[in-house]
C-alpha atoms as a PDB file:
ATOM      1  CA  MET A   1     -13.993  -3.419   5.021  1.00  0.00           C
ATOM      2  CA  ARG A   2     -12.089  -0.528   3.619  1.00  0.00           C
ATOM      3  CA  ILE A   3      -8.354  -0.692   3.349  1.00  0.00           C
ATOM      4  CA  LEU A   4      -5.928   2.221   2.668  1.00  0.00           C
ATOM      5  CA  PHE A   5      -2.226   1.495   1.638  1.00  0.00           C
ATOM      6  CA  VAL A   6       0.140   4.451   2.317  1.00  0.00           C
ATOM      7  CA  CYS A   7       3.686   5.225   1.113  1.00  0.00           C
ATOM      8  CA  LEU A   8       5.493   8.566   0.680  1.00  0.00           C
ATOM      9  CA  GLY A   9       4.538   9.830  -2.622  1.00  0.00           C
ATOM     10  CA  ASN A  10       1.702   7.320  -3.733  1.00  0.00           C
ATOM     11  CA  ILE A  11       3.464   6.451  -7.055  1.00  0.00           C
ATOM     12  CA  CYS A  12       5.377   3.262  -6.281  1.00  0.00           C
ATOM     13  CA  ARG A  13       4.673   1.042  -3.200  1.00  0.00           C
ATOM     14  CA  SER A  14       1.166   2.057  -2.183  1.00  0.00           C
ATOM     15  CA  PRO A  15      -0.440   1.821  -5.693  1.00  0.00           C
ATOM     16  CA  THR A  16       1.377  -1.526  -6.160  1.00  0.00           C
ATOM     17  CA  ALA A  17      -0.039  -2.749  -2.938  1.00  0.00           C
ATOM     18  CA  GLU A  18      -3.442  -1.465  -3.991  1.00  0.00           C
ATOM     19  CA  ALA A  19      -3.241  -3.325  -7.319  1.00  0.00           C
ATOM     20  CA  VAL A  20      -1.941  -6.589  -5.641  1.00  0.00           C
ATOM     21  CA  MET A  21      -4.584  -6.552  -2.973  1.00  0.00           C
ATOM     22  CA  ARG A  22      -7.305  -5.582  -5.445  1.00  0.00           C
ATOM     23  CA  ASP A  23      -6.268  -8.660  -7.532  1.00  0.00           C
ATOM     24  CA  LEU A  24      -6.207 -10.979  -4.445  1.00  0.00           C
ATOM     25  CA  VAL A  25      -9.634  -9.751  -3.337  1.00  0.00           C
ATOM     26  CA  THR A  26     -11.168 -10.363  -6.733  1.00  0.00           C
ATOM     27  CA  GLU A  27      -9.671 -13.841  -6.880  1.00  0.00           C
ATOM     28  CA  ALA A  28     -11.244 -14.551  -3.435  1.00  0.00           C
ATOM     29  CA  GLY A  29     -14.538 -13.294  -4.634  1.00  0.00           C
ATOM     30  CA  LEU A  30     -14.579 -10.562  -2.096  1.00  0.00           C
ATOM     31  CA  ARG A  31     -14.800  -7.268  -4.088  1.00  0.00           C
ATOM     32  CA  GLU A  32     -18.145  -6.489  -2.688  1.00  0.00           C
ATOM     33  CA  GLU A  33     -16.816  -6.855   0.832  1.00  0.00           C
ATOM     34  CA  ILE A  34     -13.382  -5.169   0.597  1.00  0.00           C
ATOM     35  CA  THR A  35     -12.624  -1.778  -0.868  1.00  0.00           C
ATOM     36  CA  ILE A  36      -9.020  -0.905  -1.551  1.00  0.00           C
ATOM     37  CA  ASP A  37      -7.339   2.444  -2.041  1.00  0.00           C
ATOM     38  CA  SER A  38      -3.906   4.076  -1.748  1.00  0.00           C
ATOM     39  CA  ALA A  39      -2.451   7.477  -0.783  1.00  0.00           C
ATOM     40  CA  GLY A  40       0.819   9.101   0.011  1.00  0.00           C
ATOM     41  CA  THR A  41       2.001  11.039   3.073  1.00  0.00           C
ATOM     42  CA  GLY A  42       3.696  13.706   0.834  1.00  0.00           C
ATOM     43  CA  ASP A  43       2.275  16.061  -1.828  1.00  0.00           C
ATOM     44  CA  TRP A  44       4.930  16.016  -4.430  1.00  0.00           C
ATOM     45  CA  HIS A  45       3.095  13.704  -6.905  1.00  0.00           C
ATOM     46  CA  ILE A  46      -0.512  14.606  -6.466  1.00  0.00           C
ATOM     47  CA  GLY A  47      -2.480  13.859  -9.634  1.00  0.00           C
ATOM     48  CA  HIS A  48       0.419  11.997 -11.194  1.00  0.00           C
ATOM     49  CA  PRO A  49       0.062   8.354 -12.481  1.00  0.00           C
ATOM     50  CA  PRO A  50       2.116   5.614 -10.799  1.00  0.00           C
ATOM     51  CA  ASP A  51       5.828   5.494 -11.670  1.00  0.00           C
ATOM     52  CA  SER A  52       6.213   3.706 -15.059  1.00  0.00           C
ATOM     53  CA  ARG A  53       8.717   1.228 -13.415  1.00  0.00           C
ATOM     54  CA  ALA A  54       6.027   0.171 -10.853  1.00  0.00           C
ATOM     55  CA  VAL A  55       3.455  -0.096 -13.725  1.00  0.00           C
ATOM     56  CA  GLU A  56       5.915  -2.329 -15.698  1.00  0.00           C
ATOM     57  CA  ALA A  57       6.780  -4.550 -12.776  1.00  0.00           C
ATOM     58  CA  GLY A  58       3.116  -5.024 -12.017  1.00  0.00           C
ATOM     59  CA  ALA A  59       2.291  -5.765 -15.658  1.00  0.00           C
ATOM     60  CA  ARG A  60       4.870  -8.561 -15.627  1.00  0.00           C
ATOM     61  CA  ARG A  61       2.874 -10.336 -13.023  1.00  0.00           C
ATOM     62  CA  GLY A  62      -0.556  -9.487 -14.706  1.00  0.00           C
ATOM     63  CA  LEU A  63      -1.357  -6.601 -12.414  1.00  0.00           C
ATOM     64  CA  GLU A  64      -2.797  -3.256 -13.402  1.00  0.00           C
ATOM     65  CA  VAL A  65      -0.971  -0.656 -11.447  1.00  0.00           C
ATOM     66  CA  ASP A  66      -2.947   2.546 -12.082  1.00  0.00           C
ATOM     67  CA  GLY A  67      -4.673   5.562 -10.635  1.00  0.00           C
ATOM     68  CA  GLN A  68      -3.622   9.090  -9.690  1.00  0.00           C
ATOM     69  CA  ALA A  69      -1.528   9.857  -6.601  1.00  0.00           C
ATOM     70  CA  ARG A  70      -3.240  11.654  -3.819  1.00  0.00           C
ATOM     71  CA  GLN A  71      -2.203  12.792  -0.367  1.00  0.00           C
ATOM     72  CA  VAL A  72      -3.652  11.247   2.839  1.00  0.00           C
ATOM     73  CA  ALA A  73      -6.471  13.382   4.278  1.00  0.00           C
ATOM     74  CA  PRO A  74      -7.627  13.612   7.880  1.00  0.00           C
ATOM     75  CA  SER A  75     -10.906  12.263   6.791  1.00  0.00           C
ATOM     76  CA  ASP A  76      -9.145   8.896   5.729  1.00  0.00           C
ATOM     77  CA  PHE A  77      -8.822   8.038   9.367  1.00  0.00           C
ATOM     78  CA  ASP A  78     -12.581   7.908   9.693  1.00  0.00           C
ATOM     79  CA  ASN A  79     -13.252   6.428   6.159  1.00  0.00           C
ATOM     80  CA  PHE A  80     -10.994   3.371   6.334  1.00  0.00           C
ATOM     81  CA  ASP A  81     -11.226   0.356   8.660  1.00  0.00           C
ATOM     82  CA  LEU A  82      -7.445  -0.420   8.205  1.00  0.00           C
ATOM     83  CA  ILE A  83      -4.659   1.880   7.176  1.00  0.00           C
ATOM     84  CA  VAL A  84      -1.453  -0.055   6.240  1.00  0.00           C
ATOM     85  CA  ALA A  85       1.772   1.939   5.941  1.00  0.00           C
ATOM     86  CA  MET A  86       4.659   0.788   3.803  1.00  0.00           C
ATOM     87  CA  ASP A  87       7.474   1.702   6.207  1.00  0.00           C
ATOM     88  CA  ARG A  88       7.948   2.976   9.808  1.00  0.00           C
ATOM     89  CA  SER A  89       8.595   6.533   8.486  1.00  0.00           C
ATOM     90  CA  ASN A  90       5.220   6.579   6.812  1.00  0.00           C
ATOM     91  CA  GLN A  91       3.597   5.150   9.935  1.00  0.00           C
ATOM     92  CA  ALA A  92       5.165   7.924  12.111  1.00  0.00           C
ATOM     93  CA  ASP A  93       3.879  10.503   9.588  1.00  0.00           C
ATOM     94  CA  LEU A  94       0.351   8.964   9.800  1.00  0.00           C
ATOM     95  CA  ILE A  95       0.312   8.788  13.453  1.00  0.00           C
ATOM     96  CA  GLU A  96       1.271  12.561  13.645  1.00  0.00           C
ATOM     97  CA  LEU A  97      -1.481  13.421  11.132  1.00  0.00           C
ATOM     98  CA  ALA A  98      -4.017  11.371  13.007  1.00  0.00           C
ATOM     99  CA  GLY A  99      -3.249  13.194  16.130  1.00  0.00           C
ATOM    100  CA  ASP A 100      -3.600  10.031  18.111  1.00  0.00           C
ATOM    101  CA  ASP A 101      -1.097   8.041  19.983  1.00  0.00           C
ATOM    102  CA  ASP A 102      -2.545   4.802  18.700  1.00  0.00           C
ATOM    103  CA  PRO A 103      -4.683   5.100  15.737  1.00  0.00           C
ATOM    104  CA  GLY A 104      -4.334   1.497  14.711  1.00  0.00           C
ATOM    105  CA  ILE A 105      -1.959   2.093  11.646  1.00  0.00           C
ATOM    106  CA  ARG A 106      -0.279  -1.209  10.828  1.00  0.00           C
ATOM    107  CA  LEU A 107       2.800  -1.924   8.704  1.00  0.00           C
ATOM    108  CA  LEU A 108       2.376  -4.256   5.746  1.00  0.00           C
ATOM    109  CA  ARG A 109       5.213  -6.472   6.851  1.00  0.00           C
ATOM    110  CA  GLU A 110       3.707  -7.080  10.244  1.00  0.00           C
ATOM    111  CA  PHE A 111       1.471  -9.504   8.178  1.00  0.00           C
ATOM    112  CA  GLY A 112       3.950 -12.350   7.697  1.00  0.00           C
ATOM    113  CA  GLY A 113       6.338 -11.951  10.500  1.00  0.00           C
ATOM    114  CA  ASP A 114       9.352 -10.383   8.871  1.00  0.00           C
ATOM    115  CA  GLU A 115      12.073  -9.015  11.056  1.00  0.00           C
ATOM    116  CA  ASP A 116      12.517  -5.964   8.896  1.00  0.00           C
ATOM    117  CA  LEU A 117       9.188  -4.167   8.817  1.00  0.00           C
ATOM    118  CA  ASP A 118       9.887  -1.737   6.127  1.00  0.00           C
ATOM    119  CA  VAL A 119       8.933  -2.279   2.422  1.00  0.00           C
ATOM    120  CA  PRO A 120      12.007  -0.703   0.738  1.00  0.00           C
ATOM    121  CA  ASP A 121      11.382   2.365  -1.461  1.00  0.00           C
ATOM    122  CA  PRO A 122      12.482   1.488  -4.982  1.00  0.00           C
ATOM    123  CA  TYR A 123      12.098   5.014  -6.364  1.00  0.00           C
ATOM    124  CA  LEU A 124      15.676   5.971  -6.347  1.00  0.00           C
ATOM    125  CA  GLY A 125      17.159   2.552  -6.674  1.00  0.00           C
ATOM    126  CA  ALA A 126      17.929   0.288  -9.559  1.00  0.00           C
ATOM    127  CA  GLY A 127      15.081  -0.975 -11.971  1.00  0.00           C
ATOM    128  CA  ASP A 128      14.982  -4.439 -10.320  1.00  0.00           C
ATOM    129  CA  GLY A 129      14.067  -3.106  -6.995  1.00  0.00           C
ATOM    130  CA  PHE A 130      10.532  -2.631  -8.353  1.00  0.00           C
ATOM    131  CA  ASP A 131      10.154  -6.271  -9.128  1.00  0.00           C
ATOM    132  CA  GLU A 132      11.481  -7.121  -5.580  1.00  0.00           C
ATOM    133  CA  VAL A 133       8.916  -4.755  -4.061  1.00  0.00           C
ATOM    134  CA  VAL A 134       6.058  -6.355  -5.956  1.00  0.00           C
ATOM    135  CA  ASP A 135       7.036  -9.792  -4.862  1.00  0.00           C
ATOM    136  CA  LEU A 136       7.425  -8.601  -1.278  1.00  0.00           C
ATOM    137  CA  ILE A 137       3.992  -6.794  -1.318  1.00  0.00           C
ATOM    138  CA  ASP A 138       2.386  -9.837  -2.783  1.00  0.00           C
ATOM    139  CA  ARG A 139       3.690 -12.112  -0.062  1.00  0.00           C
ATOM    140  CA  HIS A 140       2.513  -9.873   2.785  1.00  0.00           C
ATOM    141  CA  CYS A 141      -0.887  -9.004   1.044  1.00  0.00           C
ATOM    142  CA  ARG A 142      -1.632 -12.638   0.902  1.00  0.00           C
ATOM    143  CA  VAL A 143      -1.133 -12.880   4.735  1.00  0.00           C
ATOM    144  CA  LEU A 144      -3.164  -9.677   5.233  1.00  0.00           C
ATOM    145  CA  LEU A 145      -5.969 -11.151   3.256  1.00  0.00           C
ATOM    146  CA  ASP A 146      -5.826 -14.449   5.183  1.00  0.00           C
ATOM    147  CA  THR A 147      -5.913 -12.399   8.439  1.00  0.00           C
ATOM    148  CA  ILE A 148      -8.879 -10.395   7.389  1.00  0.00           C
ATOM    149  CA  ARG A 149     -10.788 -13.521   6.260  1.00  0.00           C
ATOM    150  CA  GLN A 150     -10.282 -15.116   9.819  1.00  0.00           C
END
């Protein structure tokens, strides 16, 4: 299975989700079965590393948030089995890019039954927003992995 996590710029939420899920997949012994990647809907940060605040928040939990930002490509819709958007705005952008009314793009917070389906973007907020986002992403990635295993 190939999973793509998507946020706006691919420097905060989606690389964090990629790192969290990669760690969970490794712990579960499923690295050979599940491939994880991330991308952004925008092109502002292409080639840049993740935001240092996301890297630091991940490191406090033993996660390596790394990589280089990239923009979602049309081929991603064919190359990934599951595309997981961080918020409804990202999901709408992905649906438009896919050119399909129902390309099967899910929201991360659908996995776990939260009422609010958006993972908040910590980029312009206070520093502790990154820690809250890591915790939120971790909780929902665990449910996502359980769902995949079933």
